[in-house]
Protein backbone atom coordinates (compact mmCIF):
# COMPACT_ATOMS: atom_id res chain seq x y z
CA MET A 1 -20.79 -9.34 -32.61
CA THR A 2 -19.43 -12.35 -30.73
CA LEU A 3 -19.59 -13.02 -27.19
CA MET A 4 -15.70 -12.90 -27.17
CA GLU A 5 -15.78 -9.51 -28.67
CA LEU A 6 -18.33 -8.32 -26.06
CA GLN A 7 -16.26 -9.68 -23.27
CA VAL A 8 -13.27 -7.62 -24.63
CA ILE A 9 -15.11 -4.49 -24.77
CA ARG A 10 -16.52 -4.78 -21.27
CA LYS A 11 -13.08 -5.36 -20.01
CA GLU A 12 -11.79 -2.26 -21.62
CA ARG A 13 -14.43 -0.20 -20.53
CA ALA A 14 -13.84 -1.60 -16.87
CA ALA A 15 -10.33 -0.65 -17.10
CA ARG A 16 -10.86 2.97 -17.98
CA LEU A 17 -11.54 5.02 -14.87
CA SER A 18 -11.77 8.72 -14.80
CA LEU A 19 -12.63 11.02 -11.90
CA GLY A 20 -15.92 11.92 -13.28
CA THR A 21 -17.03 8.16 -13.69
CA GLU A 22 -19.94 7.33 -11.29
CA PHE A 23 -20.44 3.91 -9.55
CA TYR A 24 -22.63 2.33 -6.92
CA CYS A 25 -20.74 2.67 -3.46
CA ARG A 26 -21.93 -0.30 -1.36
CA PRO A 27 -21.00 1.23 2.07
CA ARG A 28 -22.75 4.51 1.50
CA ARG A 29 -25.60 2.83 -0.56
CA ARG A 30 -25.57 5.54 -3.12
CA ARG A 31 -23.98 6.71 -6.46
CA LEU A 32 -20.71 8.61 -6.20
CA ALA A 33 -18.14 10.01 -8.53
CA VAL A 34 -14.72 8.50 -8.35
CA ALA A 35 -13.28 11.71 -7.30
CA THR A 36 -15.57 11.83 -4.25
CA CYS A 37 -14.76 8.24 -3.39
CA LEU A 38 -10.94 8.80 -3.51
CA ASP A 39 -11.13 12.11 -1.62
CA ASP A 40 -13.18 10.44 1.23
CA TYR A 41 -11.31 7.13 1.05
CA MET A 42 -7.78 9.04 1.32
CA ASN A 43 -8.96 11.44 4.11
CA ALA A 44 -10.65 8.72 6.33
CA ASN A 45 -7.60 6.68 6.14
CA ALA A 46 -5.07 9.60 6.59
CA PHE A 47 -6.72 10.83 9.51
CA GLY A 48 -7.68 7.42 11.14
CA ASP A 49 -11.51 8.10 11.09
CA LYS A 50 -12.82 4.79 12.05
CA ARG A 51 -16.25 6.06 12.20
CA SER A 52 -16.43 6.63 8.49
CA ALA A 53 -17.96 4.43 6.00
CA CYS A 54 -14.50 5.02 3.92
CA TRP A 55 -12.36 3.56 6.66
CA ARG A 56 -10.44 0.56 4.81
CA CYS A 57 -13.12 0.40 2.15
CA PRO A 58 -12.22 -2.50 -0.29
CA GLN A 59 -14.07 -0.69 -2.86
CA GLY A 60 -12.28 2.71 -2.36
CA CYS A 61 -8.90 0.79 -2.40
CA GLY A 62 -9.79 -0.86 -5.62
CA ASN A 63 -10.81 2.44 -7.15
CA ARG A 64 -7.62 4.03 -5.99
CA GLY A 65 -5.70 1.16 -7.46
CA LYS A 66 -7.69 1.39 -10.98
CA TYR A 67 -7.25 5.19 -11.14
CA SER A 68 -3.47 5.04 -10.47
CA GLU A 69 -2.89 2.39 -13.27
CA GLY A 70 -4.80 4.51 -15.81
CA ALA A 71 -3.07 7.81 -14.85
């Protein structure tokens, strides 16, 4: 397998995002499922919870965007 083929495979895997997919959450410093991230991100921003780690989190915003593209 060439380097070019490996890069294509990695991009395809990164593009796929399901609710069960886990990732490392930098603000919380632990692994979370995408479903938990989206729930917490949406609740923090909908209710204006500025003390939450999810308030205006760029990682949560990115997860929301990626998930909406794949849905």
